[in-house]
């Protein structure tokens, strides 16, 4: 016959399960971030290769330039997103955690 679990044991199991879920979520997030960085590094090379291929195949400078421009237009938001994904958000759980740099607000209300 198994021993009855106490509340302490139940809380410990819940805490362990929460830690495991957090670890799994972090792992998925890191994998997504890694793929995002790879795409941000590969896209300019692919766009440049496509522009050169278009120029050599058609001898059309404008079409090759447009191809390169579209590649850059796609790459810039991807690159900025890769940089932004590395920034950790601040703790906003309490209203007092937000500091607008105003100091004592009671002086300014009068």
C-alpha atoms as a PDB file:
ATOM      1  CA  UNK A   1       0.000   0.000   0.000  1.00  0.00           C
ATOM      2  CA  UNK A   2       1.409   3.372  -0.961  1.00  0.00           C
ATOM      3  CA  UNK A   3       1.981   6.149   1.445  1.00  0.00           C
ATOM      4  CA  UNK A   4      -0.458   9.069   1.330  1.00  0.00           C
ATOM      5  CA  UNK A   5       1.123  12.206  -0.129  1.00  0.00           C
ATOM      6  CA  UNK A   6       1.309  15.183   2.135  1.00  0.00           C
ATOM      7  CA  UNK A   7       0.660  18.736   1.022  1.00  0.00           C
ATOM      8  CA  UNK A   8       4.391  19.395   1.072  1.00  0.00           C
ATOM      9  CA  UNK A   9       5.006  16.506  -1.325  1.00  0.00           C
ATOM     10  CA  UNK A  10       2.222  17.706  -3.622  1.00  0.00           C
ATOM     11  CA  UNK A  11       3.631  21.243  -3.679  1.00  0.00           C
ATOM     12  CA  UNK A  12       7.107  19.878  -4.406  1.00  0.00           C
ATOM     13  CA  UNK A  13       5.765  17.853  -7.334  1.00  0.00           C
ATOM     14  CA  UNK A  14       3.861  20.875  -8.659  1.00  0.00           C
ATOM     15  CA  UNK A  15       6.976  23.030  -8.333  1.00  0.00           C
ATOM     16  CA  UNK A  16       9.090  20.411 -10.124  1.00  0.00           C
ATOM     17  CA  UNK A  17       6.500  20.180 -12.907  1.00  0.00           C
ATOM     18  CA  UNK A  18       6.454  23.974 -13.277  1.00  0.00           C
ATOM     19  CA  UNK A  19      10.249  24.089 -13.487  1.00  0.00           C
ATOM     20  CA  UNK A  20      10.213  21.367 -16.140  1.00  0.00           C
ATOM     21  CA  UNK A  21       7.567  23.215 -18.170  1.00  0.00           C
ATOM     22  CA  UNK A  22       9.594  26.443 -17.944  1.00  0.00           C
ATOM     23  CA  UNK A  23      12.723  24.626 -19.091  1.00  0.00           C
ATOM     24  CA  UNK A  24      10.883  23.129 -22.061  1.00  0.00           C
ATOM     25  CA  UNK A  25       9.434  26.525 -23.023  1.00  0.00           C
ATOM     26  CA  UNK A  26      12.883  28.126 -22.800  1.00  0.00           C
ATOM     27  CA  UNK A  27      14.344  25.375 -24.951  1.00  0.00           C
ATOM     28  CA  UNK A  28      11.692  25.917 -27.644  1.00  0.00           C
ATOM     29  CA  UNK A  29      12.248  29.685 -27.517  1.00  0.00           C
ATOM     30  CA  UNK A  30      16.025  29.300 -27.869  1.00  0.00           C
ATOM     31  CA  UNK A  31      15.567  26.964 -30.853  1.00  0.00           C
ATOM     32  CA  UNK A  32      13.282  29.539 -32.529  1.00  0.00           C
ATOM     33  CA  UNK A  33      15.779  32.307 -31.826  1.00  0.00           C
ATOM     34  CA  UNK A  34      18.610  30.235 -33.296  1.00  0.00           C
ATOM     35  CA  UNK A  35      16.629  29.602 -36.500  1.00  0.00           C
ATOM     36  CA  UNK A  36      15.782  33.299 -36.706  1.00  0.00           C
ATOM     37  CA  UNK A  37      19.468  34.250 -36.466  1.00  0.00           C
ATOM     38  CA  UNK A  38      20.419  31.739 -39.145  1.00  0.00           C
ATOM     39  CA  UNK A  39      17.743  33.140 -41.459  1.00  0.00           C
ATOM     40  CA  UNK A  40      18.982  36.682 -40.803  1.00  0.00           C
ATOM     41  CA  UNK A  41      22.516  35.614 -41.752  1.00  0.00           C
ATOM     42  CA  UNK A  42      21.570  33.598 -44.858  1.00  0.00           C
ATOM     43  CA  UNK A  43      19.058  35.982 -46.437  1.00  0.00           C
ATOM     44  CA  UNK A  44      21.555  38.651 -47.627  1.00  0.00           C
ATOM     45  CA  UNK A  45      23.718  35.995 -49.282  1.00  0.00           C
ATOM     46  CA  UNK A  46      20.709  34.484 -51.052  1.00  0.00           C
ATOM     47  CA  UNK A  47      19.442  37.905 -52.163  1.00  0.00           C
ATOM     48  CA  UNK A  48      22.868  38.850 -53.522  1.00  0.00           C
ATOM     49  CA  UNK A  49      23.188  35.537 -55.348  1.00  0.00           C
ATOM     50  CA  UNK A  50      19.706  35.974 -56.822  1.00  0.00           C
ATOM     51  CA  UNK A  51      20.511  39.521 -57.977  1.00  0.00           C
ATOM     52  CA  UNK A  52      23.752  38.375 -59.607  1.00  0.00           C
ATOM     53  CA  UNK A  53      21.962  35.438 -61.237  1.00  0.00           C
ATOM     54  CA  UNK A  54      19.239  37.726 -62.605  1.00  0.00           C
ATOM     55  CA  UNK A  55      21.839  40.138 -63.959  1.00  0.00           C
ATOM     56  CA  UNK A  56      23.879  37.418 -65.652  1.00  0.00           C
ATOM     57  CA  UNK A  57      20.820  35.672 -67.076  1.00  0.00           C
ATOM     58  CA  UNK A  58      18.964  38.719 -68.379  1.00  0.00           C
ATOM     59  CA  UNK A  59      21.587  41.525 -68.586  1.00  0.00           C
ATOM     60  CA  UNK A  60      18.966  43.784 -66.994  1.00  0.00           C
ATOM     61  CA  UNK A  61      20.517  46.085 -64.386  1.00  0.00           C
ATOM     62  CA  UNK A  62      17.191  47.414 -63.139  1.00  0.00           C
ATOM     63  CA  UNK A  63      15.725  43.966 -62.525  1.00  0.00           C
ATOM     64  CA  UNK A  64      18.906  42.874 -60.728  1.00  0.00           C
ATOM     65  CA  UNK A  65      18.806  46.042 -58.598  1.00  0.00           C
ATOM     66  CA  UNK A  66      15.144  45.476 -57.798  1.00  0.00           C
ATOM     67  CA  UNK A  67      15.903  41.891 -56.790  1.00  0.00           C
ATOM     68  CA  UNK A  68      18.657  43.105 -54.460  1.00  0.00           C
ATOM     69  CA  UNK A  69      16.412  45.848 -53.079  1.00  0.00           C
ATOM     70  CA  UNK A  70      13.642  43.360 -52.266  1.00  0.00           C
ATOM     71  CA  UNK A  71      16.206  41.151 -50.516  1.00  0.00           C
ATOM     72  CA  UNK A  72      17.391  44.093 -48.411  1.00  0.00           C
ATOM     73  CA  UNK A  73      13.801  45.144 -47.685  1.00  0.00           C
ATOM     74  CA  UNK A  74      13.083  41.679 -46.313  1.00  0.00           C
ATOM     75  CA  UNK A  75      16.409  41.429 -44.486  1.00  0.00           C
ATOM     76  CA  UNK A  76      16.182  44.693 -42.483  1.00  0.00           C
ATOM     77  CA  UNK A  77      13.051  43.766 -40.439  1.00  0.00           C
ATOM     78  CA  UNK A  78      14.388  40.234 -40.000  1.00  0.00           C
ATOM     79  CA  UNK A  79      17.713  41.565 -38.720  1.00  0.00           C
ATOM     80  CA  UNK A  80      16.060  44.064 -36.375  1.00  0.00           C
ATOM     81  CA  UNK A  81      13.767  41.309 -35.086  1.00  0.00           C
ATOM     82  CA  UNK A  82      16.780  39.104 -34.386  1.00  0.00           C
ATOM     83  CA  UNK A  83      18.364  41.908 -32.376  1.00  0.00           C
ATOM     84  CA  UNK A  84      15.101  42.658 -30.553  1.00  0.00           C
ATOM     85  CA  UNK A  85      14.546  39.032 -29.604  1.00  0.00           C
ATOM     86  CA  UNK A  86      17.698  39.128 -27.495  1.00  0.00           C
ATOM     87  CA  UNK A  87      16.334  41.880 -25.237  1.00  0.00           C
ATOM     88  CA  UNK A  88      14.686  40.549 -22.103  1.00  0.00           C
ATOM     89  CA  UNK A  89      11.530  42.344 -20.990  1.00  0.00           C
ATOM     90  CA  UNK A  90      11.499  44.247 -17.720  1.00  0.00           C
ATOM     91  CA  UNK A  91       9.373  43.216 -14.768  1.00  0.00           C
ATOM     92  CA  UNK A  92       6.005  44.965 -15.101  1.00  0.00           C
ATOM     93  CA  UNK A  93       4.093  42.946 -12.524  1.00  0.00           C
ATOM     94  CA  UNK A  94       3.605  45.895 -10.183  1.00  0.00           C
ATOM     95  CA  UNK A  95       2.644  49.453 -11.009  1.00  0.00           C
ATOM     96  CA  UNK A  96       5.435  50.657  -8.738  1.00  0.00           C
ATOM     97  CA  UNK A  97       8.005  48.887 -10.914  1.00  0.00           C
ATOM     98  CA  UNK A  98       7.548  51.527 -13.621  1.00  0.00           C
ATOM     99  CA  UNK A  99       9.871  54.456 -13.081  1.00  0.00           C
ATOM    100  CA  UNK A 100       9.280  57.432 -15.335  1.00  0.00           C
ATOM    101  CA  UNK A 101      12.153  59.362 -13.760  1.00  0.00           C
ATOM    102  CA  UNK A 102       9.900  62.040 -12.325  1.00  0.00           C
ATOM    103  CA  UNK A 103      10.917  61.909  -8.689  1.00  0.00           C
ATOM    104  CA  UNK A 104       8.299  63.246  -6.252  1.00  0.00           C
ATOM    105  CA  UNK A 105       5.085  63.763  -8.244  1.00  0.00           C
ATOM    106  CA  UNK A 106       3.225  65.698  -5.547  1.00  0.00           C
ATOM    107  CA  UNK A 107       5.259  68.860  -6.295  1.00  0.00           C
ATOM    108  CA  UNK A 108       4.138  68.937  -9.929  1.00  0.00           C
ATOM    109  CA  UNK A 109       0.411  68.640  -9.292  1.00  0.00           C
ATOM    110  CA  UNK A 110       0.021  72.102  -7.784  1.00  0.00           C
END
